[in-house]
């Protein structure tokens, strides 16, 4: 089988690098890249620190057998209409030369980075909650609805938030709470502008004050929907004037954000308000940019929503000490990756993050990014491809300095669910609560990278690679950018190789698995599935 040009990475020669990074407050010195100087086959040498052997634990060996019970009475987080229906086939062509910064934050530990979305099963079932804990997930996306808490004016039912959020935090999860469905008496639609803003303000103040254990609140899922309540997946502020109040709906959303920011911070000064998450994809034909996926046919989201919203914020700045939002949330599905990669730097979620960051900067705004949904359907693309997409997307997101990334969803929808959700198999565990291969991939990622921090993109001919700092030592994640395998050569005498499911093995210089005949150099054949590489000498 034809191999691409060999790339050599030195994982064993520069422990001093991370020592110097930790000793000063200046930006970390990049890892030194020594480019080839002779011939097409000359290796690229990348100097990174040595890692001691750490074998990841395996996924739970026993299958959970209890069938899922119904979700709590609160409306479960609905599935996105922009979820892909076909496998994305465009592979990245080359690794970016720099790691783009998606938010104005410094490199940070990924301890709180990994999250999952629940439709009630993590709360309702002890065995599922145990699997969520063992997965290494730290954030759990859930929801609360104004309609359920205050079905009639002034009459509050706090049972779900009081018990549901407490159950998550007592089990060491950080909730991300979507604030959903408007009270019927306080708005003309459940997903659009609120008419009784005084009552809405009081609801939010009490919600935050009663739940000091919740830090992250998000105002509607996918508010950029332009086609009204019938197609809404949470919000519908992407149209012209759905409530007929004479103002564009993006203005109403901006005003609700400002009100919500004040109310939530009054109830809990440490709280953070998230925009959306916006879909910012599956654009409709009326707004889709040139060259967009299928011209926007069948789409429901307004591509101009964020520009309109940010322009309004720029023209109407909040009072000193206040903000419209603390984080910008968005959803990412790989079906739309080719468009973002064609117009912005980076691969997959990196390119979309750069598009959003560029828009914020254009309007004088800055905030960290949060991915509220990403996922792939294991039935559509297969278990192995779902697992590979998971690892690549979480690794890329970390390189883009995305603050949190949430996998949608933790458990498959059951076959008995109403169509089309009965066909959505995006979960890490199946409908019977048995872990899927993607569960092991998620668990391995949290174990290997959960206490690491991103350093830089690695330059690998024909592939992608990313370098992380784990306790002062290097961890490289590499894969081929196409179906054609590549050979990557690592300088050193011994390596620990961990596949994307967490199975670890050792390779020594000169062993049968060593594809490089040079001394003190180990060659690995790498395919399109990512592997973790750590030096052990």
Protein backbone atom coordinates (compact mmCIF):
# COMPACT_ATOMS: atom_id res chain seq x y z
CA UNK A 1 0.00 0.00 0.00
CA UNK A 2 1.41 3.39 -0.98
CA UNK A 3 2.52 5.54 1.95
CA UNK A 4 2.82 9.30 2.14
CA UNK A 5 6.01 11.08 3.12
CA UNK A 6 7.31 10.10 6.54
CA UNK A 7 7.06 12.64 9.35
CA UNK A 8 9.26 12.32 12.43
CA UNK A 9 8.20 13.64 15.84
CA UNK A 10 10.67 13.71 18.74
CA UNK A 11 8.75 13.01 21.95
CA UNK A 12 11.75 12.51 24.17
CA UNK A 13 14.23 15.34 24.00
CA UNK A 14 12.82 18.50 25.57
CA UNK A 15 11.46 18.25 29.09
CA UNK A 16 12.96 21.71 29.58
CA UNK A 17 10.31 23.11 27.24
CA UNK A 18 7.37 22.74 29.61
CA UNK A 19 9.58 23.63 32.58
CA UNK A 20 10.27 26.98 30.97
CA UNK A 21 6.57 27.41 30.19
CA UNK A 22 5.65 26.94 33.85
CA UNK A 23 8.41 29.21 35.17
CA UNK A 24 7.27 32.49 33.61
CA UNK A 25 4.07 34.37 32.98
CA UNK A 26 4.89 35.22 29.37
CA UNK A 27 3.08 33.33 26.58
CA UNK A 28 4.51 29.79 26.24
CA UNK A 29 7.31 29.29 23.77
CA UNK A 30 6.07 27.23 20.82
CA UNK A 31 7.47 23.78 20.31
CA UNK A 32 10.44 24.04 17.92
CA UNK A 33 9.71 22.75 14.42
CA UNK A 34 12.76 21.73 12.38
CA UNK A 35 11.69 21.52 8.76
CA UNK A 36 13.23 19.09 6.23
CA UNK A 37 16.21 20.41 4.31
CA UNK A 38 17.04 17.60 1.87
CA UNK A 39 14.89 15.40 -0.31
CA UNK A 40 11.17 14.63 -0.30
CA UNK A 41 11.57 11.93 2.32
CA UNK A 42 13.45 14.00 4.88
CA UNK A 43 11.62 13.88 8.22
CA UNK A 44 10.11 16.76 10.14
CA UNK A 45 11.44 16.72 13.70
CA UNK A 46 9.17 18.08 16.43
CA UNK A 47 10.64 18.28 19.92
CA UNK A 48 8.15 17.58 22.70
CA UNK A 49 8.54 16.28 26.28
CA UNK A 50 8.53 12.69 27.53
CA UNK A 51 5.45 11.11 29.08
CA UNK A 52 5.53 8.32 31.61
CA UNK A 53 3.35 5.31 30.91
CA UNK A 54 -0.25 5.79 32.02
CA UNK A 55 -2.61 3.04 30.93
CA UNK A 56 -6.21 4.25 30.63
CA UNK A 57 -8.88 2.23 32.38
CA UNK A 58 -11.40 0.32 30.35
CA UNK A 59 -15.05 1.09 29.85
CA UNK A 60 -17.41 -0.66 32.28
CA UNK A 61 -17.33 -4.39 31.66
CA UNK A 62 -20.90 -5.09 32.71
CA UNK A 63 -23.78 -4.08 30.52
CA UNK A 64 -26.44 -1.94 32.07
CA UNK A 65 -29.64 -3.84 31.54
CA UNK A 66 -32.37 -1.65 32.99
CA UNK A 67 -34.56 -0.20 30.26
CA UNK A 68 -34.82 3.58 30.36
CA UNK A 69 -37.74 5.11 32.18
CA UNK A 70 -39.51 8.21 31.01
CA UNK A 71 -37.83 11.58 31.32
CA UNK A 72 -38.99 13.99 34.03
CA UNK A 73 -42.15 15.91 33.39
CA UNK A 74 -40.14 18.91 32.30
CA UNK A 75 -39.95 19.05 28.54
CA UNK A 76 -36.89 17.14 27.45
CA UNK A 77 -34.34 18.92 25.32
CA UNK A 78 -35.55 18.51 21.79
CA UNK A 79 -33.41 17.16 19.01
CA UNK A 80 -32.12 19.61 16.45
CA UNK A 81 -33.71 19.77 13.04
CA UNK A 82 -30.32 20.62 11.63
CA UNK A 83 -28.85 17.26 12.69
CA UNK A 84 -27.23 15.70 9.63
CA UNK A 85 -29.02 13.01 7.71
CA UNK A 86 -26.03 11.84 5.72
CA UNK A 87 -22.41 11.06 6.43
CA UNK A 88 -20.09 13.98 5.83
CA UNK A 89 -17.50 12.79 3.36
CA UNK A 90 -15.03 15.65 3.02
CA UNK A 91 -11.79 14.93 4.87
CA UNK A 92 -9.45 17.69 5.99
CA UNK A 93 -6.71 18.35 3.45
CA UNK A 94 -3.97 19.48 5.80
CA UNK A 95 -3.37 20.45 9.39
CA UNK A 96 -3.57 24.19 10.05
CA UNK A 97 -0.23 25.86 10.61
CA UNK A 98 -1.39 27.61 13.76
CA UNK A 99 -3.96 26.83 16.40
CA UNK A 100 -6.67 29.48 15.92
CA UNK A 101 -7.94 31.14 19.07
CA UNK A 102 -11.73 30.98 19.22
CA UNK A 103 -12.03 32.94 22.46
CA UNK A 104 -9.91 35.48 24.33
CA UNK A 105 -8.68 32.97 26.90
CA UNK A 106 -5.27 31.47 27.54
CA UNK A 107 -4.48 27.78 27.22
CA UNK A 108 -6.30 26.00 30.01
CA UNK A 109 -6.83 22.58 31.49
CA UNK A 110 -9.51 20.45 29.88
CA UNK A 111 -10.72 19.22 33.28
CA UNK A 112 -14.19 20.75 32.72
CA UNK A 113 -14.23 20.60 28.94
CA UNK A 114 -16.08 17.34 28.24
CA UNK A 115 -19.88 17.30 28.45
CA UNK A 116 -22.99 15.34 27.46
CA UNK A 117 -26.60 16.26 26.77
CA UNK A 118 -29.41 14.43 28.54
CA UNK A 119 -33.07 14.07 27.66
CA UNK A 120 -33.85 13.19 31.27
CA UNK A 121 -32.20 9.77 31.47
CA UNK A 122 -29.21 10.90 33.56
CA UNK A 123 -31.58 12.21 36.22
CA UNK A 124 -34.16 9.46 36.03
CA UNK A 125 -32.00 6.33 36.05
CA UNK A 126 -29.31 5.52 38.58
CA UNK A 127 -27.52 3.08 36.26
CA UNK A 128 -27.37 5.66 33.47
CA UNK A 129 -26.14 8.29 35.91
CA UNK A 130 -23.36 5.89 36.97
CA UNK A 131 -22.34 5.43 33.34
CA UNK A 132 -22.31 9.20 32.86
CA UNK A 133 -20.02 9.53 35.86
CA UNK A 134 -17.68 6.79 34.63
CA UNK A 135 -17.54 8.40 31.18
CA UNK A 136 -15.64 11.34 32.65
CA UNK A 137 -18.22 13.93 31.54
CA UNK A 138 -18.20 17.04 33.70
CA UNK A 139 -20.98 19.15 32.16
CA UNK A 140 -24.53 17.91 31.55
CA UNK A 141 -26.92 19.89 29.37
CA UNK A 142 -30.49 19.87 30.62
CA UNK A 143 -33.44 22.27 30.49
CA UNK A 144 -36.12 24.11 32.42
CA UNK A 145 -39.32 25.62 31.05
CA UNK A 146 -41.01 28.79 32.23
CA UNK A 147 -44.40 27.26 31.33
CA UNK A 148 -43.92 24.36 33.76
CA UNK A 149 -42.51 26.43 36.61
CA UNK A 150 -45.14 29.20 36.36
CA UNK A 151 -48.18 27.81 34.52
CA UNK A 152 -50.33 30.64 35.87
CA UNK A 153 -49.10 34.13 36.83
CA UNK A 154 -47.51 34.13 40.27
CA UNK A 155 -48.08 30.41 40.91
CA UNK A 156 -44.68 28.67 40.94
CA UNK A 157 -43.82 24.98 40.90
CA UNK A 158 -40.10 24.62 41.63
CA UNK A 159 -40.04 20.84 42.11
CA UNK A 160 -38.14 20.01 38.91
CA UNK A 161 -35.33 22.59 39.14
CA UNK A 162 -34.96 22.17 42.90
CA UNK A 163 -34.54 18.39 42.66
CA UNK A 164 -33.23 17.91 39.13
CA UNK A 165 -30.36 20.37 39.23
CA UNK A 166 -29.40 19.33 42.76
CA UNK A 167 -29.18 15.70 41.67
CA UNK A 168 -26.72 16.65 38.95
CA UNK A 169 -24.51 18.83 41.14
CA UNK A 170 -24.58 16.30 44.00
CA UNK A 171 -23.10 13.84 41.50
CA UNK A 172 -20.37 16.32 40.55
CA UNK A 173 -21.83 17.40 37.21
CA UNK A 174 -21.90 21.04 36.09
CA UNK A 175 -25.38 21.74 34.63
CA UNK A 176 -25.85 23.78 31.50
CA UNK A 177 -29.51 24.72 31.72
CA UNK A 178 -31.45 25.71 28.62
CA UNK A 179 -34.25 28.13 29.54
CA UNK A 180 -37.05 27.07 27.23
CA UNK A 181 -40.80 27.25 26.53
CA UNK A 182 -42.38 30.57 27.45
CA UNK A 183 -45.40 30.64 29.72
CA UNK A 184 -48.49 30.68 27.53
CA UNK A 185 -49.84 33.74 29.33
CA UNK A 186 -46.54 35.65 29.00
CA UNK A 187 -45.83 35.37 25.27
CA UNK A 188 -47.60 34.86 21.97
CA UNK A 189 -45.41 31.84 21.16
CA UNK A 190 -43.48 29.40 23.32
CA UNK A 191 -40.28 30.03 21.37
CA UNK A 192 -40.30 33.74 20.51
CA UNK A 193 -40.40 37.16 22.15
CA UNK A 194 -41.83 37.48 25.66
CA UNK A 195 -44.60 40.01 26.12
CA UNK A 196 -44.72 40.12 29.95
CA UNK A 197 -41.10 41.09 30.58
CA UNK A 198 -41.75 42.03 34.21
CA UNK A 199 -42.96 38.51 35.00
CA UNK A 200 -40.11 37.01 32.97
CA UNK A 201 -37.60 39.05 34.95
CA UNK A 202 -39.04 37.83 38.25
CA UNK A 203 -39.05 34.19 37.07
CA UNK A 204 -35.35 34.40 36.08
CA UNK A 205 -34.30 36.15 39.29
CA UNK A 206 -35.95 33.50 41.43
CA UNK A 207 -34.64 30.69 39.20
CA UNK A 208 -31.02 31.80 39.63
CA UNK A 209 -31.39 32.66 43.33
CA UNK A 210 -32.91 29.27 44.18
CA UNK A 211 -30.22 27.41 42.25
CA UNK A 212 -26.91 28.81 43.40
CA UNK A 213 -25.38 25.47 42.41
CA UNK A 214 -26.04 26.26 38.72
CA UNK A 215 -23.57 28.56 36.99
CA UNK A 216 -24.41 28.21 33.27
CA UNK A 217 -27.77 29.30 31.87
CA UNK A 218 -28.61 29.45 28.13
CA UNK A 219 -31.47 31.42 26.59
CA UNK A 220 -33.34 29.04 24.24
CA UNK A 221 -31.87 26.37 22.00
CA UNK A 222 -31.30 27.54 18.42
CA UNK A 223 -32.99 30.96 18.65
CA UNK A 224 -31.97 31.74 15.05
CA UNK A 225 -34.90 29.68 13.73
CA UNK A 226 -36.70 31.78 11.09
CA UNK A 227 -39.76 29.65 10.45
CA UNK A 228 -41.77 29.88 13.63
CA UNK A 229 -43.11 27.60 16.29
CA UNK A 230 -43.93 24.68 13.99
CA UNK A 231 -40.25 24.07 13.23
CA UNK A 232 -38.76 25.36 16.47
CA UNK A 233 -36.19 23.34 18.39
CA UNK A 234 -36.32 25.78 21.30
CA UNK A 235 -36.25 29.35 20.02
CA UNK A 236 -37.68 31.27 17.05
CA UNK A 237 -36.19 34.75 16.86
CA UNK A 238 -34.82 34.48 13.33
CA UNK A 239 -37.89 35.85 11.53
CA UNK A 240 -39.01 39.40 10.90
CA UNK A 241 -41.63 40.15 13.58
CA UNK A 242 -43.29 36.97 14.79
CA UNK A 243 -45.16 38.68 17.64
CA UNK A 244 -46.24 41.75 15.64
CA UNK A 245 -44.80 44.28 18.09
CA UNK A 246 -43.19 46.35 15.34
CA UNK A 247 -39.61 45.34 16.20
CA UNK A 248 -37.37 42.80 14.46
CA UNK A 249 -37.22 39.59 16.45
CA UNK A 250 -33.43 39.82 16.85
CA UNK A 251 -34.02 43.10 18.74
CA UNK A 252 -36.45 41.30 21.03
CA UNK A 253 -33.84 38.59 21.62
CA UNK A 254 -31.16 41.17 22.41
CA UNK A 255 -33.49 42.86 24.88
CA UNK A 256 -34.32 39.53 26.52
CA UNK A 257 -30.62 38.71 26.77
CA UNK A 258 -29.95 42.01 28.52
CA UNK A 259 -32.87 41.48 30.89
CA UNK A 260 -31.82 37.87 31.54
CA UNK A 261 -28.20 38.84 32.20
CA UNK A 262 -29.30 41.35 34.85
CA UNK A 263 -31.86 39.01 36.41
CA UNK A 264 -29.62 35.95 36.57
CA UNK A 265 -26.65 37.90 37.95
CA UNK A 266 -28.93 39.53 40.53
CA UNK A 267 -29.95 36.05 41.67
CA UNK A 268 -26.38 34.68 41.50
CA UNK A 269 -23.44 37.05 40.83
CA UNK A 270 -21.30 34.08 39.76
CA UNK A 271 -23.73 32.93 37.08
CA UNK A 272 -22.94 33.00 33.35
CA UNK A 273 -25.43 33.60 30.55
CA UNK A 274 -24.98 31.83 27.21
CA UNK A 275 -26.39 33.00 23.89
CA UNK A 276 -28.45 30.23 22.39
CA UNK A 277 -26.87 27.92 21.48
CA UNK A 278 -27.38 29.15 17.94
CA UNK A 279 -27.64 26.61 15.14
CA UNK A 280 -25.72 28.89 12.75
CA UNK A 281 -26.17 26.23 10.06
CA UNK A 282 -28.94 24.58 8.05
CA UNK A 283 -29.60 28.07 6.70
CA UNK A 284 -32.80 28.69 4.76
CA UNK A 285 -32.90 29.59 1.09
CA UNK A 286 -33.73 33.21 1.84
CA UNK A 287 -30.53 33.82 3.80
CA UNK A 288 -28.01 31.09 2.83
CA UNK A 289 -24.68 32.54 1.65
CA UNK A 290 -23.30 31.74 -1.78
CA UNK A 291 -21.89 28.24 -1.97
CA UNK A 292 -23.72 27.04 1.12
CA UNK A 293 -24.77 23.41 1.46
CA UNK A 294 -27.53 22.63 -1.08
CA UNK A 295 -28.28 26.34 -1.42
CA UNK A 296 -30.21 26.26 1.84
CA UNK A 297 -32.95 24.03 0.45
CA UNK A 298 -35.07 22.80 3.34
CA UNK A 299 -33.19 24.92 5.88
CA UNK A 300 -34.90 26.82 8.68
CA UNK A 301 -32.23 29.07 10.23
CA UNK A 302 -31.45 32.69 9.38
CA UNK A 303 -27.80 33.12 8.35
CA UNK A 304 -28.04 36.88 9.08
CA UNK A 305 -29.37 36.50 12.63
CA UNK A 306 -26.03 36.85 14.41
CA UNK A 307 -24.86 39.76 12.28
CA UNK A 308 -28.10 41.58 12.97
CA UNK A 309 -27.96 40.72 16.68
CA UNK A 310 -24.32 41.78 17.09
CA UNK A 311 -24.83 44.99 15.11
CA UNK A 312 -27.70 45.92 17.43
CA UNK A 313 -25.54 45.19 20.49
CA UNK A 314 -22.74 47.33 19.10
CA UNK A 315 -25.14 50.22 18.45
CA UNK A 316 -26.81 49.81 21.86
CA UNK A 317 -24.09 48.98 24.39
CA UNK A 318 -25.23 47.93 27.87
CA UNK A 319 -24.52 50.13 30.90
CA UNK A 320 -21.04 49.92 32.46
CA UNK A 321 -20.54 46.68 34.37
CA UNK A 322 -23.24 44.84 32.42
CA UNK A 323 -23.17 42.54 29.40
CA UNK A 324 -25.57 41.02 26.94
CA UNK A 325 -23.94 37.59 27.39
CA UNK A 326 -20.97 35.79 28.94
CA UNK A 327 -20.47 33.01 26.39
CA UNK A 328 -21.54 32.37 22.82
CA UNK A 329 -23.05 28.92 22.41
CA UNK A 330 -23.33 27.14 19.07
CA UNK A 331 -24.09 23.69 17.68
CA UNK A 332 -21.84 21.81 15.28
CA UNK A 333 -22.65 18.96 12.88
CA UNK A 334 -20.12 17.67 10.39
CA UNK A 335 -22.48 17.67 7.42
CA UNK A 336 -21.81 21.40 7.06
CA UNK A 337 -18.03 21.24 7.58
CA UNK A 338 -17.11 21.65 3.89
CA UNK A 339 -18.65 25.13 3.78
CA UNK A 340 -16.84 26.36 6.89
CA UNK A 341 -13.53 24.79 5.84
CA UNK A 342 -13.79 26.46 2.43
CA UNK A 343 -14.21 29.94 3.93
CA UNK A 344 -12.32 29.94 7.23
CA UNK A 345 -9.06 28.55 8.58
CA UNK A 346 -9.04 25.16 10.26
CA UNK A 347 -10.74 21.81 10.01
CA UNK A 348 -14.28 20.93 11.11
CA UNK A 349 -15.39 22.67 14.29
CA UNK A 350 -12.26 24.88 14.25
CA UNK A 351 -13.39 26.55 11.02
CA UNK A 352 -16.88 27.23 12.37
CA UNK A 353 -15.42 28.56 15.64
CA UNK A 354 -13.24 30.93 13.63
CA UNK A 355 -16.28 32.15 11.69
CA UNK A 356 -18.05 33.00 14.96
CA UNK A 357 -15.00 34.63 16.53
CA UNK A 358 -14.51 36.75 13.43
CA UNK A 359 -18.09 37.96 13.65
CA UNK A 360 -17.76 38.92 17.29
CA UNK A 361 -14.57 40.87 16.59
CA UNK A 362 -16.23 42.62 13.66
CA UNK A 363 -18.76 44.10 16.07
CA UNK A 364 -16.39 44.81 18.95
CA UNK A 365 -17.51 41.80 21.00
CA UNK A 366 -15.49 39.08 22.73
CA UNK A 367 -16.56 36.00 24.66
CA UNK A 368 -15.54 32.36 25.05
CA UNK A 369 -17.25 29.81 22.84
CA UNK A 370 -19.26 26.83 24.05
CA UNK A 371 -20.46 23.95 21.86
CA UNK A 372 -23.87 22.97 23.17
CA UNK A 373 -24.36 20.12 20.67
CA UNK A 374 -22.15 18.00 18.47
CA UNK A 375 -22.67 14.43 17.40
CA UNK A 376 -23.02 11.81 14.69
CA UNK A 377 -25.53 9.01 14.16
CA UNK A 378 -23.92 5.59 14.62
CA UNK A 379 -26.50 3.91 12.39
CA UNK A 380 -25.84 6.32 9.53
CA UNK A 381 -22.03 6.25 9.59
CA UNK A 382 -21.21 3.22 11.76
CA UNK A 383 -19.83 2.84 15.28
CA UNK A 384 -16.19 3.24 14.30
CA UNK A 385 -16.77 6.43 12.30
CA UNK A 386 -18.93 7.88 15.09
CA UNK A 387 -16.10 7.25 17.56
CA UNK A 388 -13.46 8.76 15.27
CA UNK A 389 -15.61 11.86 14.70
CA UNK A 390 -16.03 12.25 18.45
CA UNK A 391 -12.29 12.20 19.21
CA UNK A 392 -11.36 14.44 16.27
CA UNK A 393 -14.03 17.02 17.10
CA UNK A 394 -13.21 17.22 20.81
CA UNK A 395 -9.48 17.47 20.04
CA UNK A 396 -10.01 20.13 17.39
CA UNK A 397 -12.34 22.06 19.69
CA UNK A 398 -9.71 22.06 22.43
CA UNK A 399 -7.16 23.42 19.96
CA UNK A 400 -9.60 26.25 19.13
CA UNK A 401 -9.84 27.16 22.84
CA UNK A 402 -13.55 26.28 22.98
CA UNK A 403 -14.45 26.44 26.67
CA UNK A 404 -16.90 23.51 26.82
CA UNK A 405 -17.97 20.86 24.31
CA UNK A 406 -21.14 18.78 24.74
CA UNK A 407 -21.94 15.53 22.93
CA UNK A 408 -25.53 15.19 21.75
CA UNK A 409 -26.85 12.97 23.16
CA UNK A 410 -25.86 10.58 25.96
CA UNK A 411 -28.46 7.87 25.24
CA UNK A 412 -30.04 6.80 21.97
CA UNK A 413 -33.70 7.60 21.54
CA UNK A 414 -35.73 4.37 21.84
CA UNK A 415 -37.25 2.71 18.80
CA UNK A 416 -40.64 3.42 20.37
CA UNK A 417 -40.10 7.21 20.34
CA UNK A 418 -42.23 9.28 17.94
CA UNK A 419 -40.76 9.64 14.44
CA UNK A 420 -38.27 10.86 13.45
CA UNK A 421 -36.53 10.75 16.86
CA UNK A 422 -36.91 6.96 16.95
CA UNK A 423 -34.27 6.83 14.20
CA UNK A 424 -31.75 9.10 15.98
CA UNK A 425 -28.92 6.97 17.35
CA UNK A 426 -26.44 9.66 18.32
CA UNK A 427 -25.95 8.33 21.85
CA UNK A 428 -22.88 7.04 23.65
CA UNK A 429 -25.10 4.34 25.15
CA UNK A 430 -27.91 2.54 23.36
CA UNK A 431 -31.61 2.55 24.19
CA UNK A 432 -31.03 -0.31 26.68
CA UNK A 433 -28.30 1.65 28.47
CA UNK A 434 -25.47 -0.53 27.12
CA UNK A 435 -22.28 1.39 26.25
CA UNK A 436 -21.53 1.75 22.54
CA UNK A 437 -17.99 1.94 21.13
CA UNK A 438 -18.29 5.73 21.16
CA UNK A 439 -18.71 5.56 24.94
CA UNK A 440 -15.26 3.99 25.23
CA UNK A 441 -13.88 6.65 22.86
CA UNK A 442 -15.37 9.44 24.99
CA UNK A 443 -14.09 7.83 28.18
CA UNK A 444 -10.56 7.40 26.80
CA UNK A 445 -10.50 11.05 25.70
CA UNK A 446 -11.54 12.29 29.14
CA UNK A 447 -8.97 10.06 30.87
CA UNK A 448 -6.05 10.98 28.63
CA UNK A 449 -6.84 14.66 27.98
CA UNK A 450 -9.05 15.61 30.94
CA UNK A 451 -6.15 17.10 32.89
CA UNK A 452 -4.14 18.24 29.86
CA UNK A 453 -3.91 21.59 28.08
CA UNK A 454 -3.47 22.33 24.41
CA UNK A 455 -0.03 23.43 23.16
CA UNK A 456 -0.07 23.54 19.35
CA UNK A 457 -0.98 21.96 16.05
CA UNK A 458 1.64 19.53 14.73
CA UNK A 459 2.72 19.68 11.10
CA UNK A 460 2.22 16.20 9.65
CA UNK A 461 2.39 15.54 5.94
CA UNK A 462 -0.91 13.96 4.87
CA UNK A 463 -2.36 13.99 8.35
CA UNK A 464 -3.48 15.98 11.36
CA UNK A 465 -1.77 16.16 14.73
CA UNK A 466 -2.21 18.08 17.97
CA UNK A 467 0.11 18.40 20.94
CA UNK A 468 -1.08 18.63 24.56
CA UNK A 469 0.77 19.22 27.83
CA UNK A 470 -0.12 16.62 30.47
CA UNK A 471 1.64 17.26 33.78
CA UNK A 472 4.66 18.70 32.00
CA UNK A 473 4.87 15.94 29.40
CA UNK A 474 3.68 15.71 25.82
CA UNK A 475 0.70 13.83 24.44
CA UNK A 476 0.31 13.79 20.66
CA UNK A 477 -2.95 12.87 18.91
CA UNK A 478 -2.49 12.02 15.24
CA UNK A 479 -4.45 10.59 12.31
CA UNK A 480 -4.36 10.39 8.54
CA UNK A 481 -6.31 13.09 6.74
CA UNK A 482 -7.67 10.57 4.22
CA UNK A 483 -8.40 6.88 3.79
CA UNK A 484 -4.75 6.40 2.77
CA UNK A 485 -2.50 5.47 5.72
CA UNK A 486 0.58 7.51 6.47
CA UNK A 487 3.76 6.72 8.37
CA UNK A 488 4.70 8.97 11.27
CA UNK A 489 8.09 8.42 12.85
CA UNK A 490 8.72 9.34 16.49
CA UNK A 491 12.24 9.87 17.77
CA UNK A 492 12.90 7.76 20.84
CA UNK A 493 13.29 4.23 22.13
CA UNK A 494 9.82 3.43 23.49
CA UNK A 495 6.30 4.70 22.96
CA UNK A 496 2.91 4.06 24.49
CA UNK A 497 0.23 3.97 21.80
CA UNK A 498 -3.42 4.20 22.85
CA UNK A 499 -6.15 3.69 20.29
CA UNK A 500 -9.28 5.80 20.30
CA UNK A 501 -11.12 3.22 22.43
CA UNK A 502 -8.50 3.30 25.21
CA UNK A 503 -6.56 0.11 24.44
CA UNK A 504 -2.87 0.77 25.13
CA UNK A 505 0.24 -1.02 23.90
CA UNK A 506 3.97 -0.38 24.01
CA UNK A 507 6.23 -0.18 20.95
CA UNK A 508 10.01 -0.18 21.21
CA UNK A 509 12.65 0.82 18.72
CA UNK A 510 13.44 -2.08 16.39
CA UNK A 511 10.36 -4.12 17.34
CA UNK A 512 8.21 -5.75 14.60
CA UNK A 513 5.71 -2.88 14.86
CA UNK A 514 8.42 -0.28 14.24
CA UNK A 515 8.06 0.94 10.64
CA UNK A 516 11.27 3.03 10.78
CA UNK A 517 14.60 1.22 10.44
CA UNK A 518 16.64 4.11 11.86
CA UNK A 519 18.04 3.78 15.37
CA UNK A 520 16.24 5.66 18.16
CA UNK A 521 13.28 6.25 15.86
CA UNK A 522 9.92 4.45 15.86
CA UNK A 523 7.69 4.55 12.79
CA UNK A 524 3.94 4.15 13.18
CA UNK A 525 1.48 3.43 10.43
CA UNK A 526 -1.44 5.73 11.08
CA UNK A 527 -4.88 5.50 9.45
CA UNK A 528 -7.91 7.78 9.63
CA UNK A 529 -8.69 6.74 13.22
CA UNK A 530 -6.94 8.93 15.80
CA UNK A 531 -4.33 7.51 18.19
CA UNK A 532 -2.69 8.95 21.30
CA UNK A 533 1.13 8.79 21.44
CA UNK A 534 3.21 9.22 24.60
CA UNK A 535 6.94 8.66 24.98
CA UNK A 536 8.04 6.39 27.82
CA UNK A 537 11.80 6.96 27.81
